[in-house]
Protein backbone atom coordinates (compact mmCIF):
# COMPACT_ATOMS: atom_id res chain seq x y z
CA MET A 1 54.17 -15.55 -19.44
CA THR A 2 55.67 -12.39 -17.73
CA GLU A 3 59.21 -13.24 -18.85
CA PHE A 4 58.18 -11.38 -22.09
CA PHE A 5 58.86 -8.17 -20.22
CA ARG A 6 62.37 -9.19 -19.16
CA VAL A 7 63.93 -7.61 -22.18
CA VAL A 8 67.64 -7.88 -22.90
CA PRO A 9 69.82 -5.29 -24.68
CA PRO A 10 70.71 -5.79 -28.32
CA ALA A 11 74.38 -6.41 -27.54
CA LYS A 12 73.34 -9.46 -25.45
CA VAL A 13 71.49 -10.92 -28.38
CA LEU A 14 74.55 -10.59 -30.52
CA GLU A 15 76.58 -12.46 -27.94
CA MET A 16 74.03 -15.31 -27.99
CA LEU A 17 74.14 -15.58 -31.79
CA ALA A 18 77.87 -16.36 -31.68
CA LEU A 19 77.15 -19.37 -29.52
CA PHE A 20 75.50 -21.30 -32.40
CA ASP A 21 77.82 -23.66 -34.24
CA ARG A 22 78.88 -22.59 -37.70
CA LEU A 23 78.11 -24.71 -40.73
CA GLY A 24 80.50 -27.14 -42.33
CA ASN A 25 82.76 -26.65 -45.31
CA GLU A 26 82.55 -27.49 -48.91
CA ARG A 27 84.75 -27.27 -52.03
CA ILE A 28 83.39 -25.26 -54.90
CA LYS A 29 84.61 -24.03 -58.24
CA LEU A 30 86.48 -20.75 -58.34
CA GLU A 31 83.98 -19.19 -60.69
CA GLU A 32 81.18 -19.96 -58.19
CA SER A 33 82.98 -18.49 -55.17
CA LEU A 34 82.01 -14.82 -55.41
CA GLY A 35 80.14 -13.74 -52.20
CA ARG A 36 80.97 -16.96 -50.38
CA VAL A 37 83.06 -16.97 -47.13
CA LEU A 38 86.44 -18.60 -47.07
CA ALA A 39 86.90 -21.52 -44.77
CA GLU A 40 90.69 -21.54 -45.12
CA PRO A 41 93.31 -18.86 -45.67
CA ILE A 42 94.66 -18.31 -49.19
CA VAL A 43 98.47 -18.61 -49.06
CA SER A 44 100.55 -18.06 -52.16
CA PRO A 45 102.72 -21.01 -53.26
CA GLU A 46 104.77 -18.82 -55.54
CA ASP A 47 106.19 -15.34 -56.27
CA ILE A 48 104.16 -13.11 -58.54
CA PRO A 49 105.64 -12.06 -60.88
CA PRO A 50 108.38 -14.72 -61.01
CA TRP A 51 110.58 -12.41 -63.03
CA PRO A 52 110.80 -8.56 -63.52
CA ARG A 53 107.98 -7.29 -65.76
CA ALA A 54 107.36 -3.99 -67.45
CA THR A 55 104.50 -1.77 -66.16
CA MET A 56 104.72 0.59 -69.16
CA ASP A 57 105.14 0.34 -72.93
CA GLY A 58 108.68 1.45 -73.87
CA TYR A 59 112.25 0.22 -73.82
CA ALA A 60 114.02 -2.08 -71.33
CA VAL A 61 117.36 -0.52 -70.48
CA ARG A 62 120.13 -0.40 -67.89
CA ALA A 63 119.38 2.61 -65.81
CA GLU A 64 123.03 3.74 -65.72
CA ASP A 65 123.01 4.09 -69.55
CA THR A 66 120.32 6.81 -69.28
CA PHE A 67 121.94 9.00 -66.63
CA GLY A 68 122.08 12.62 -67.84
CA ALA A 69 119.84 12.04 -70.86
CA SER A 70 117.77 15.05 -72.05
CA ASP A 71 116.04 16.37 -75.09
CA SER A 72 119.11 18.28 -76.06
CA LEU A 73 121.50 15.46 -75.32
CA PRO A 74 119.72 12.11 -75.56
CA ALA A 75 121.28 8.78 -74.71
CA LEU A 76 121.71 6.76 -77.98
CA LEU A 77 121.14 3.07 -77.41
CA ARG A 78 121.28 0.10 -79.77
CA ILE A 79 118.10 -1.96 -79.96
CA ALA A 80 119.00 -5.52 -79.19
CA GLY A 81 115.60 -6.93 -79.99
CA ARG A 82 111.92 -6.89 -79.07
CA VAL A 83 110.38 -8.73 -76.13
CA GLU A 84 107.51 -10.93 -77.27
CA MET A 85 104.55 -11.18 -75.02
CA GLY A 86 104.15 -14.60 -73.38
CA ARG A 87 107.77 -15.56 -73.91
CA MET A 88 110.96 -15.19 -71.92
CA PRO A 89 113.56 -13.00 -73.85
CA GLU A 90 116.23 -15.14 -75.40
CA PHE A 91 118.74 -12.30 -75.42
CA ALA A 92 120.44 -10.11 -72.81
CA ILE A 93 120.97 -6.41 -72.49
CA GLY A 94 124.49 -5.16 -72.29
CA ALA A 95 126.06 -1.67 -71.94
CA GLY A 96 124.60 0.79 -74.42
CA MET A 97 121.68 -1.50 -75.37
CA ALA A 98 117.87 -1.45 -75.13
CA ALA A 99 114.97 -3.70 -75.99
CA ALA A 100 111.43 -2.72 -77.12
CA ILE A 101 108.94 -4.04 -74.61
CA ALA A 102 105.19 -3.82 -73.98
CA THR A 103 103.39 -3.60 -70.61
CA GLY A 104 103.54 -7.05 -68.97
CA GLY A 105 106.54 -8.22 -70.84
CA PHE A 106 109.44 -9.87 -68.97
CA LEU A 107 112.63 -7.85 -68.90
CA PRO A 108 115.68 -9.33 -70.64
CA GLU A 109 118.66 -10.34 -68.47
CA GLY A 110 120.80 -7.21 -67.76
CA ALA A 111 117.94 -4.67 -67.91
CA ASP A 112 116.84 -3.09 -64.68
CA ALA A 113 114.39 -0.32 -65.78
CA VAL A 114 111.93 0.61 -68.51
CA GLN A 115 111.77 4.00 -70.14
CA MET A 116 108.28 4.96 -71.27
CA VAL A 117 107.78 5.17 -75.09
CA GLU A 118 106.96 8.92 -74.66
CA TYR A 119 110.61 9.55 -73.89
CA ALA A 120 112.08 7.28 -76.49
CA ASN A 121 112.50 8.26 -80.21
CA PRO A 122 113.57 5.63 -82.78
CA ALA A 123 116.64 7.02 -84.49
CA GLY A 124 117.04 4.65 -87.40
CA ARG A 125 119.86 2.17 -87.95
CA GLY A 126 118.47 0.01 -85.14
CA GLU A 127 118.96 2.67 -82.47
CA VAL A 128 116.73 4.62 -80.06
CA GLU A 129 117.17 7.93 -78.37
CA ILE A 130 116.28 8.13 -74.66
CA THR A 131 115.47 11.74 -73.75
CA ARG A 132 115.01 11.32 -69.99
CA PRO A 133 116.90 9.29 -67.41
CA VAL A 134 115.34 6.50 -65.38
CA THR A 135 116.32 4.89 -62.07
CA GLY A 136 116.82 1.30 -61.36
CA GLY A 137 113.45 -0.48 -60.93
CA GLU A 138 111.49 2.36 -62.58
CA ASN A 139 108.38 1.14 -64.46
CA VAL A 140 109.29 -2.42 -63.38
CA LEU A 141 107.36 -4.89 -61.18
CA GLY A 142 110.05 -6.87 -59.48
CA PRO A 143 109.96 -10.67 -58.60
CA GLY A 144 107.50 -11.22 -55.79
CA GLU A 145 106.66 -7.53 -55.60
CA ASP A 146 103.00 -8.24 -56.16
CA VAL A 147 102.80 -11.46 -54.16
CA ARG A 148 105.53 -13.37 -52.28
CA ALA A 149 105.59 -17.13 -51.81
CA GLY A 150 104.19 -18.06 -48.44
CA GLU A 151 102.30 -14.79 -48.04
CA GLU A 152 98.76 -15.03 -46.63
CA LEU A 153 96.70 -13.06 -49.15
CA ILE A 154 93.12 -13.66 -47.93
CA ARG A 155 92.23 -14.49 -44.38
CA ARG A 156 89.83 -17.27 -43.31
CA GLY A 157 86.33 -15.86 -42.70
CA ARG A 158 86.53 -13.23 -45.44
CA ARG A 159 83.66 -12.92 -47.92
CA ILE A 160 85.05 -13.36 -51.42
CA ARG A 161 85.13 -10.28 -53.65
CA PRO A 162 85.78 -10.02 -57.38
CA GLN A 163 89.43 -8.98 -56.80
CA ASP A 164 89.86 -11.99 -54.50
CA VAL A 165 88.70 -14.26 -57.28
CA GLY A 166 91.24 -12.63 -59.56
CA ILE A 167 94.17 -13.19 -57.31
CA MET A 168 93.22 -16.83 -56.72
CA ALA A 169 93.05 -17.25 -60.49
CA ALA A 170 96.54 -15.79 -60.77
CA LEU A 171 97.66 -18.47 -58.28
CA GLY A 172 96.15 -21.22 -60.43
CA LYS A 173 93.41 -22.16 -57.93
CA THR A 174 90.49 -23.82 -59.64
CA GLU A 175 88.62 -24.68 -56.46
CA VAL A 176 88.25 -23.05 -53.00
CA THR A 177 86.98 -24.24 -49.59
CA VAL A 178 84.12 -22.16 -48.26
CA PHE A 179 81.55 -22.35 -45.54
CA LYS A 180 78.22 -23.78 -46.61
CA LYS A 181 75.41 -21.41 -47.35
CA PRO A 182 72.74 -21.36 -44.61
CA ARG A 183 69.23 -22.34 -45.69
CA VAL A 184 66.60 -20.46 -43.74
CA ALA A 185 62.91 -21.57 -43.49
CA LEU A 186 60.48 -18.68 -43.68
CA ILE A 187 57.10 -18.79 -41.92
CA SER A 188 54.57 -15.97 -41.96
CA THR A 189 51.98 -16.37 -39.18
CA GLY A 190 48.60 -14.78 -38.50
CA ASN A 191 45.00 -15.28 -39.39
CA GLU A 192 44.93 -11.88 -41.11
CA ILE A 193 47.66 -12.74 -43.66
CA VAL A 194 46.72 -13.60 -47.21
CA PRO A 195 48.92 -14.43 -50.30
CA ILE A 196 50.10 -11.42 -52.35
CA THR A 197 48.06 -12.67 -55.32
CA GLU A 198 44.81 -11.95 -53.37
CA LYS A 199 43.10 -8.69 -52.86
CA PRO A 200 42.84 -8.39 -49.07
CA ALA A 201 39.35 -8.30 -47.57
CA PRO A 202 38.68 -5.86 -44.78
CA GLY A 203 40.88 -6.79 -41.83
CA ARG A 204 43.29 -8.74 -43.96
CA VAL A 205 46.78 -7.81 -45.31
CA ARG A 206 49.05 -9.27 -47.96
CA ASP A 207 52.07 -11.31 -46.88
CA THR A 208 54.93 -8.87 -47.41
CA ASN A 209 57.26 -10.28 -44.76
CA THR A 210 58.00 -13.50 -46.60
CA TYR A 211 59.32 -11.52 -49.50
CA SER A 212 61.12 -8.64 -47.75
CA ILE A 213 62.71 -10.95 -45.08
CA GLY A 214 63.52 -13.55 -47.78
CA ALA A 215 65.25 -10.85 -49.88
CA LEU A 216 67.26 -9.69 -46.80
CA ILE A 217 68.34 -13.29 -46.18
CA ARG A 218 69.54 -13.64 -49.72
CA SER A 219 71.40 -10.33 -49.52
CA ALA A 220 73.24 -11.73 -46.52
CA GLY A 221 74.53 -14.63 -48.69
CA ALA A 222 72.08 -17.29 -47.46
CA GLU A 223 69.19 -19.17 -49.05
CA ALA A 224 65.57 -18.67 -48.12
CA PHE A 225 62.64 -21.00 -48.66
CA SER A 226 59.05 -20.30 -47.69
CA LEU A 227 56.72 -22.66 -45.84
CA GLY A 228 53.77 -20.46 -46.49
CA ILE A 229 51.28 -18.70 -44.32
CA VAL A 230 50.36 -20.39 -41.05
CA PRO A 231 47.25 -19.45 -38.95
CA ASP A 232 47.36 -18.77 -35.23
CA ASP A 233 46.77 -22.39 -34.35
CA ALA A 234 49.12 -24.33 -32.07
CA ALA A 235 49.06 -27.58 -34.11
CA ALA A 236 49.68 -25.80 -37.38
CA LEU A 237 52.49 -23.61 -35.84
CA GLN A 238 54.15 -26.76 -34.40
CA SER A 239 53.99 -28.64 -37.67
CA ALA A 240 55.47 -25.72 -39.65
CA LEU A 241 58.29 -25.06 -37.14
CA LEU A 242 59.23 -28.76 -37.04
CA ARG A 243 59.32 -28.90 -40.79
CA GLY A 244 61.43 -25.73 -41.05
CA LEU A 245 63.90 -27.09 -38.44
CA ALA A 246 64.16 -30.34 -40.33
CA GLU A 247 64.72 -28.83 -43.73
CA GLY A 248 66.66 -25.65 -42.87
CA ASP A 249 69.68 -24.59 -40.93
CA ALA A 250 67.53 -21.95 -39.15
CA VAL A 251 63.92 -20.74 -39.00
CA ALA A 252 62.65 -17.16 -39.25
CA ALA A 253 58.95 -16.66 -38.40
CA THR A 254 57.22 -13.38 -38.45
CA GLY A 255 54.21 -12.56 -36.19
CA GLY A 256 53.04 -14.28 -33.08
CA SER A 257 55.60 -12.72 -30.76
CA SER A 258 53.64 -9.64 -29.44
CA VAL A 259 51.65 -9.47 -26.26
CA GLY A 260 48.44 -10.82 -27.70
CA GLU A 261 49.96 -13.91 -29.28
CA ARG A 262 53.08 -14.52 -27.17
CA ASP A 263 51.53 -17.23 -25.01
CA LEU A 264 50.64 -19.31 -28.05
CA MET A 265 54.01 -19.03 -29.86
CA ALA A 266 56.06 -19.32 -26.76
CA ALA A 267 54.15 -22.36 -25.63
CA VAL A 268 54.47 -24.03 -29.00
CA ILE A 269 58.28 -23.38 -28.97
CA ALA A 270 58.58 -24.58 -25.38
CA ASP A 271 57.02 -27.92 -26.41
CA LEU A 272 59.44 -28.53 -29.25
CA PRO A 273 61.99 -31.29 -28.47
CA GLY A 274 65.33 -29.85 -27.38
CA SER A 275 63.99 -26.28 -27.18
CA GLN A 276 65.23 -23.38 -25.11
CA ILE A 277 63.90 -19.86 -25.34
CA LEU A 278 66.92 -17.57 -25.10
CA VAL A 279 65.32 -14.20 -25.69
CA HIS A 280 61.72 -13.08 -25.28
CA GLY A 281 61.92 -9.37 -25.73
CA VAL A 282 64.68 -6.95 -26.73
CA ALA A 283 65.22 -3.40 -25.47
CA ILE A 284 64.84 -1.79 -28.91
CA ALA A 285 62.33 0.18 -30.88
CA PRO A 286 60.92 -0.88 -33.18
CA GLY A 287 61.08 -4.64 -32.52
CA LYS A 288 60.68 -5.16 -28.79
CA PRO A 289 58.70 -8.45 -29.07
CA THR A 290 61.54 -10.29 -30.87
CA MET A 291 62.17 -13.87 -29.80
CA LEU A 292 65.15 -16.17 -30.17
CA ALA A 293 65.18 -19.87 -29.35
CA SER A 294 67.57 -22.79 -29.72
CA VAL A 295 65.95 -25.99 -30.87
CA GLY A 296 68.23 -28.93 -31.21
CA GLY A 297 71.12 -26.54 -31.68
CA LYS A 298 69.40 -24.63 -34.48
CA ALA A 299 68.32 -21.02 -34.20
CA LEU A 300 64.62 -20.10 -34.28
CA PHE A 301 63.85 -16.40 -34.77
CA VAL A 302 60.36 -15.03 -34.12
CA LEU A 303 60.27 -11.52 -35.59
CA PRO A 304 57.47 -8.97 -35.13
CA GLY A 305 54.67 -9.14 -37.67
CA HIS A 306 54.70 -5.41 -38.53
CA PRO A 307 56.75 -5.05 -41.80
CA VAL A 308 59.11 -2.36 -40.54
CA SER A 309 59.74 -3.99 -37.19
CA ALA A 310 60.36 -7.27 -38.99
CA MET A 311 62.88 -5.76 -41.37
CA VAL A 312 64.72 -3.76 -38.66
CA THR A 313 65.09 -6.77 -36.34
CA ALA A 314 66.14 -8.93 -39.22
CA GLN A 315 68.78 -6.38 -40.22
CA LEU A 316 70.03 -6.19 -36.61
CA PHE A 317 70.00 -9.84 -35.63
CA LEU A 318 69.12 -12.30 -38.38
CA ALA A 319 71.65 -10.94 -41.00
CA PRO A 320 74.57 -10.96 -38.54
CA PHE A 321 73.59 -14.44 -37.47
CA LEU A 322 73.67 -15.69 -40.98
CA ARG A 323 77.06 -14.13 -41.56
CA HIS A 324 78.19 -15.97 -38.41
CA LEU A 325 76.94 -19.31 -39.70
CA GLU A 326 78.88 -18.66 -43.00
CA GLY A 327 82.09 -17.97 -41.04
CA GLU A 328 82.15 -14.18 -40.54
CA ASP A 329 82.59 -12.47 -37.19
CA VAL A 330 79.40 -11.46 -35.44
CA ALA A 331 81.46 -9.37 -32.99
CA ALA A 332 81.88 -6.86 -35.79
CA GLY A 333 78.32 -5.81 -35.03
CA TYR A 334 75.26 -5.32 -37.18
CA GLY A 335 77.17 -4.79 -40.35
CA SER A 336 80.32 -3.22 -41.71
CA ARG A 337 78.53 -0.98 -44.19
CA THR A 338 78.26 2.23 -42.24
CA VAL A 339 78.74 5.90 -43.04
CA GLU A 340 78.91 9.02 -41.00
CA ALA A 341 76.42 11.87 -41.50
CA ILE A 342 75.19 15.03 -39.86
CA LEU A 343 71.79 14.66 -38.31
CA ALA A 344 69.39 17.02 -40.12
CA ALA A 345 66.69 17.05 -37.51
CA SER A 346 66.55 16.18 -33.81
CA ILE A 347 65.46 12.77 -32.71
CA ALA A 348 63.57 12.31 -29.37
CA SER A 349 63.73 8.96 -27.60
CA SER A 350 62.83 7.32 -24.26
CA PRO A 351 65.72 6.02 -22.12
CA GLY A 352 65.77 2.27 -21.47
CA ARG A 353 65.76 1.14 -25.09
CA GLU A 354 67.86 1.45 -28.18
CA GLU A 355 65.89 3.13 -30.90
CA TYR A 356 66.65 2.62 -34.56
CA VAL A 357 65.41 5.50 -36.65
CA ARG A 358 65.12 5.31 -40.39
CA VAL A 359 67.02 7.98 -42.22
CA ARG A 360 67.37 9.28 -45.76
CA LEU A 361 70.86 10.42 -46.83
CA GLU A 362 71.56 13.61 -48.76
CA GLU A 363 74.77 15.07 -50.14
CA LYS A 364 74.81 18.86 -49.92
CA GLU A 365 77.68 21.23 -50.42
CA GLY A 366 80.22 18.46 -49.81
CA ARG A 367 78.65 17.21 -46.63
CA ARG A 368 76.43 14.21 -45.94
CA TYR A 369 73.13 14.71 -44.01
CA ALA A 370 70.86 12.14 -42.43
CA HIS A 371 67.15 13.09 -42.57
CA PRO A 372 64.93 11.10 -40.17
CA VAL A 373 62.07 9.33 -41.83
CA PHE A 374 59.37 8.95 -39.21
CA GLY A 375 56.39 6.65 -39.40
CA ARG A 376 54.66 3.74 -37.59
CA SER A 377 55.93 0.15 -37.64
CA GLY A 378 53.34 -0.87 -40.19
CA MET A 379 54.43 1.66 -42.80
CA LEU A 380 56.69 -0.26 -45.13
CA SER A 381 57.01 2.87 -47.36
CA THR A 382 59.25 4.44 -44.68
CA MET A 383 61.80 1.76 -45.33
CA VAL A 384 61.62 2.38 -49.07
CA ARG A 385 62.26 6.07 -48.55
CA SER A 386 65.25 5.31 -46.27
CA ASP A 387 68.97 4.53 -46.82
CA GLY A 388 69.74 3.15 -43.34
CA LEU A 389 69.34 3.29 -39.52
CA VAL A 390 70.64 5.59 -36.88
CA ARG A 391 70.95 4.11 -33.41
CA VAL A 392 69.86 6.16 -30.43
CA PRO A 393 71.80 4.74 -27.39
CA ILE A 394 69.88 2.94 -24.71
CA HIS A 395 70.28 5.60 -22.00
CA ALA A 396 69.87 8.64 -24.32
CA GLU A 397 66.84 10.90 -24.51
CA GLY A 398 67.55 11.59 -28.13
CA ILE A 399 70.08 13.04 -30.50
CA ALA A 400 70.32 16.73 -31.34
CA ARG A 401 70.27 18.21 -34.75
CA GLY A 402 73.74 18.84 -36.09
CA GLU A 403 75.43 15.95 -34.31
CA THR A 404 77.48 13.48 -36.34
CA VAL A 405 75.84 10.03 -36.32
CA GLU A 406 76.73 6.64 -37.69
CA VAL A 407 74.30 5.23 -40.28
CA VAL A 408 73.98 1.49 -40.73
CA LEU A 409 73.25 1.20 -44.46
CA PHE A 410 70.58 -1.19 -45.70
């Protein structure tokens, strides 16, 4: 099947991922929404706060009554009362008056500022000395200054953060509409693969991909479930793939995509009902033998069997795809968690492919450096020692030491 060598650039793969339909919506409790993706914008039905509130402990005053106040000539104001937390004041502030107030308390009618307690000295006889002037609105959160009625606070397609949960609670929302979590079936293929509970015999290796790729899937906000280890047998592969497609929203298989096994895996996929092989080779290193197929509208990824290649390609393609299914924008690229760093050692590369080099980050004398972590695709320890990936452009022959590079963080 010579089409294996008709590799496509990584950007083309990302374009294809966006063609798959997103999952449906569901309503969940607010307290369960952290990390989920909004399927509808959050629009405030009300002003927050609805009435002026103090942002400091002190005294609610009329700003004009404090003009010219100083330590040597304080403004002497009569205390009209104390604002109780959780209740609207039942009194007003007139000329030459003040009210004791705590942070978060609603200002009495007539007050337009709060003087901090540090510049207010009780004078006895129900009076207080203000030793510094304040301006109107000082130390006050005005009506709607935090949130205005009708304002869109959180856009559709945003992954919910702790602060987003907080603002929705402030709006009284007990439920939220989110995209459903994708469920991904994991299949590890190869006659040489054994469970991690076994000590591998010569020529065998433990099944690390099920666990590392499963963890990456969960870190992308999706769910992963394993269908176990499948030998290099057409009937067994077909049965596992059909089960994964029936039970999951997508399938991620590792192994079986390289030159030696590609005929078997590609033939099995081609025989599945409603299948179309979209990608059979990507112009990247590591990870050239990556495959992508559509089967009945569901995505089937076949990642390389080598642990590093599997993790790199899952980071580049599987994770963005899962974010797409959940409602995020794949056009944003491989991930928004990137940092800039100075390359600490030169990287050589061959034109015609994008190379993704593992790097370790170091902060030194106020600058961030990226140290390449070299190693073969079977060396999972290189991923453990790394903090992210640096992309060498497809037509470049490398990147010189000292250049500023973008690091895609793991």
